[in-house]
Amino acid sequence: MKQIKTLLFAAALFIGATSFTNAQTKVAHIDTGVLVESMPEMTSARAEMEKMGKTYEADIQEMVQEYQTKAKQYEAEAPTKTNEVNQQRGEELAQMQQSIRQFQADSQRQIEKKELDLLKPITEKAKAAILKVGKAQGFNYVLDSSQGSGVIMAAGKDLLKDVQKELGF
């Protein structure tokens, strides 16, 4: 009988402690993708990325146009040229193709690097605001509810509006 009372007391104590622990944990969520996209800094970052992309695109188009012009010229002149000259011209065209591909790859890397450089301060600012609002409202955890972030259900408080207010928009 004494063992049953002790066992019941231990079970009640365990259930009470678990309930107390759960009651103390506050969880909120925020879609960081929506937050970052809604930040005013993203407008200028997007504009800068588009400008850079268009510049590289124009350069590539110019290189392709030059290649096509030479290829047509060399093709038209091929019957009147020696095999040695035609072979040199073929190698020149192959080199031009390689240069275009290399420039495309380099420009893509530069665009990606620029994107990272532009997004880093924006995401850091968003993170700082999320931490500030989360702490101010007494949350232990703030989960990212962006698509693909691993949060299956976000039923806690959504901090998006509060963080946007903290950021001034």
Protein backbone atom coordinates (compact mmCIF):
# COMPACT_ATOMS: atom_id res chain seq x y z
CA MET A 1 0.00 0.00 0.00
CA LYS A 2 2.82 2.34 0.91
CA GLN A 3 4.55 1.52 -2.39
CA ILE A 4 1.39 2.39 -4.35
CA LYS A 5 1.11 5.75 -2.55
CA THR A 6 4.77 6.46 -3.25
CA LEU A 7 4.33 5.45 -6.89
CA LEU A 8 1.21 7.65 -7.27
CA PHE A 9 2.98 10.55 -5.58
CA ALA A 10 5.98 10.16 -7.92
CA ALA A 11 3.68 10.00 -10.97
CA ALA A 12 1.78 13.10 -9.86
CA LEU A 13 5.04 14.92 -9.22
CA PHE A 14 6.35 13.92 -12.66
CA ILE A 15 3.14 15.04 -14.42
CA GLY A 16 3.14 18.32 -12.52
CA ALA A 17 6.78 19.00 -13.33
CA THR A 18 6.20 18.20 -16.99
CA SER A 19 3.17 20.50 -17.14
CA PHE A 20 5.12 23.26 -15.40
CA THR A 21 8.01 22.87 -17.84
CA ASN A 22 5.71 22.93 -20.84
CA ALA A 23 3.89 25.97 -19.53
CA GLN A 24 7.20 27.85 -19.26
CA THR A 25 8.29 27.19 -22.85
CA LYS A 26 7.04 29.86 -25.22
CA VAL A 27 7.40 29.28 -28.93
CA ALA A 28 6.75 31.71 -31.78
CA HIS A 29 7.34 31.51 -35.50
CA ILE A 30 8.13 33.82 -38.39
CA ASP A 31 8.45 33.36 -42.14
CA THR A 32 11.89 34.86 -42.66
CA GLY A 33 11.52 34.68 -46.43
CA VAL A 34 8.48 36.96 -46.33
CA LEU A 35 10.21 39.25 -43.83
CA VAL A 36 13.38 39.66 -45.89
CA GLU A 37 11.43 40.12 -49.13
CA SER A 38 9.31 42.85 -47.51
CA MET A 39 12.31 44.82 -46.25
CA PRO A 40 12.91 48.10 -48.14
CA GLU A 41 16.60 47.24 -48.56
CA MET A 42 15.60 44.35 -50.83
CA THR A 43 14.27 46.77 -53.45
CA SER A 44 17.66 48.40 -53.94
CA ALA A 45 19.43 45.02 -53.75
CA ARG A 46 17.14 43.60 -56.46
CA ALA A 47 17.70 46.69 -58.64
CA GLU A 48 21.47 46.38 -58.26
CA MET A 49 21.34 42.67 -59.13
CA GLU A 50 19.20 43.32 -62.22
CA LYS A 51 21.56 46.07 -63.38
CA MET A 52 24.58 43.81 -62.95
CA GLY A 53 22.82 40.94 -64.74
CA LYS A 54 21.84 43.15 -67.68
CA THR A 55 25.40 44.46 -68.00
CA TYR A 56 26.81 40.93 -68.17
CA GLU A 57 24.04 39.86 -70.53
CA ALA A 58 24.84 42.75 -72.90
CA ASP A 59 28.54 41.85 -72.84
CA ILE A 60 27.75 38.21 -73.62
CA GLN A 61 25.40 39.20 -76.45
CA GLU A 62 28.15 41.39 -77.92
CA MET A 63 30.64 38.52 -77.76
CA VAL A 64 28.15 36.12 -79.37
CA GLN A 65 27.38 38.62 -82.13
CA GLU A 66 31.10 39.04 -82.85
CA TYR A 67 31.50 35.26 -82.96
CA GLN A 68 28.55 34.83 -85.34
CA THR A 69 29.82 37.58 -87.65
CA LYS A 70 33.28 36.01 -87.87
CA ALA A 71 31.84 32.53 -88.33
CA LYS A 72 29.73 33.71 -91.30
CA GLN A 73 32.65 35.60 -92.78
CA TYR A 74 35.01 32.64 -92.42
CA GLU A 75 32.42 30.25 -93.83
CA ALA A 76 31.88 32.45 -96.88
CA GLU A 77 35.63 32.84 -97.45
CA ALA A 78 36.52 29.19 -96.74
CA PRO A 79 36.44 27.97 -100.38
CA THR A 80 38.99 30.61 -101.39
CA LYS A 81 41.39 30.00 -98.48
CA THR A 82 43.99 27.31 -97.94
CA ASN A 83 43.40 24.41 -95.58
CA GLU A 84 45.98 25.86 -93.20
CA VAL A 85 44.19 29.23 -93.01
CA ASN A 86 40.82 27.52 -92.59
CA GLN A 87 42.23 25.38 -89.79
CA GLN A 88 43.61 28.48 -88.03
CA ARG A 89 40.25 30.19 -88.40
CA GLY A 90 38.49 27.13 -86.98
CA GLU A 91 40.81 27.20 -83.98
CA GLU A 92 40.16 30.93 -83.57
CA LEU A 93 36.39 30.32 -83.56
CA ALA A 94 36.78 27.47 -81.05
CA GLN A 95 38.83 29.80 -78.83
CA MET A 96 36.11 32.45 -79.10
CA GLN A 97 33.48 29.89 -78.05
CA GLN A 98 35.61 28.89 -75.08
CA SER A 99 36.06 32.55 -74.10
CA ILE A 100 32.29 33.11 -74.23
CA ARG A 101 31.63 30.05 -72.03
CA GLN A 102 34.32 31.14 -69.58
CA PHE A 103 32.92 34.67 -69.41
CA GLN A 104 29.42 33.29 -68.79
CA ALA A 105 30.69 31.12 -65.92
CA ASP A 106 32.73 33.97 -64.43
CA SER A 107 29.84 36.41 -64.67
CA GLN A 108 27.52 33.90 -62.98
CA ARG A 109 29.99 33.52 -60.11
CA GLN A 110 30.29 37.30 -59.79
CA ILE A 111 26.51 37.68 -59.70
CA GLU A 112 26.20 35.00 -57.00
CA LYS A 113 28.96 36.62 -54.94
CA LYS A 114 27.32 40.04 -55.26
CA GLU A 115 23.97 38.56 -54.21
CA LEU A 116 25.54 37.09 -51.07
CA ASP A 117 27.28 40.40 -50.31
CA LEU A 118 24.01 42.31 -50.70
CA LEU A 119 21.85 39.85 -48.74
CA LYS A 120 24.17 39.34 -45.77
CA PRO A 121 23.52 42.72 -44.06
CA ILE A 122 19.79 42.46 -44.82
CA THR A 123 19.47 39.01 -43.26
CA GLU A 124 21.61 40.04 -40.29
CA LYS A 125 19.35 43.04 -39.69
CA ALA A 126 16.28 40.79 -39.90
CA LYS A 127 17.81 38.28 -37.47
CA ALA A 128 18.69 41.03 -34.98
CA ALA A 129 15.12 42.35 -35.11
CA ILE A 130 13.68 38.85 -34.66
CA LEU A 131 15.90 38.27 -31.62
CA LYS A 132 14.96 41.64 -30.14
CA VAL A 133 11.21 41.13 -30.60
CA GLY A 134 11.37 37.49 -29.46
CA LYS A 135 13.22 38.40 -26.26
CA ALA A 136 11.00 41.42 -25.60
CA GLN A 137 7.91 39.24 -25.84
CA GLY A 138 9.42 36.49 -23.67
CA PHE A 139 9.77 33.71 -26.24
CA ASN A 140 12.23 30.89 -25.64
CA TYR A 141 12.21 29.77 -29.26
CA VAL A 142 11.42 31.49 -32.55
CA LEU A 143 11.12 29.01 -35.41
CA ASP A 144 11.47 29.84 -39.10
CA SER A 145 8.22 28.87 -40.79
CA SER A 146 9.48 29.50 -44.34
CA GLN A 147 8.66 26.79 -46.82
CA GLY A 148 11.26 24.04 -46.61
CA SER A 149 12.53 25.05 -43.17
CA GLY A 150 11.29 21.91 -41.46
CA VAL A 151 8.48 23.48 -39.43
CA ILE A 152 5.44 21.31 -40.05
CA MET A 153 2.93 23.25 -38.02
CA ALA A 154 3.24 26.85 -36.88
CA ALA A 155 0.43 27.37 -34.40
CA GLY A 156 2.34 29.67 -32.04
CA LYS A 157 2.44 33.43 -32.27
CA ASP A 158 3.53 34.79 -35.66
CA LEU A 159 6.09 37.55 -35.08
CA LEU A 160 6.14 38.85 -38.67
CA LYS A 161 4.06 41.99 -38.04
CA ASP A 162 5.89 42.77 -34.79
CA VAL A 163 9.31 42.42 -36.43
CA GLN A 164 8.24 44.51 -39.42
CA LYS A 165 7.08 47.17 -36.96
CA GLU A 166 10.46 46.95 -35.18
CA LEU A 167 12.19 47.49 -38.52
CA GLY A 168 10.03 50.53 -39.22
CA PHE A 169 7.74 49.34 -42.00
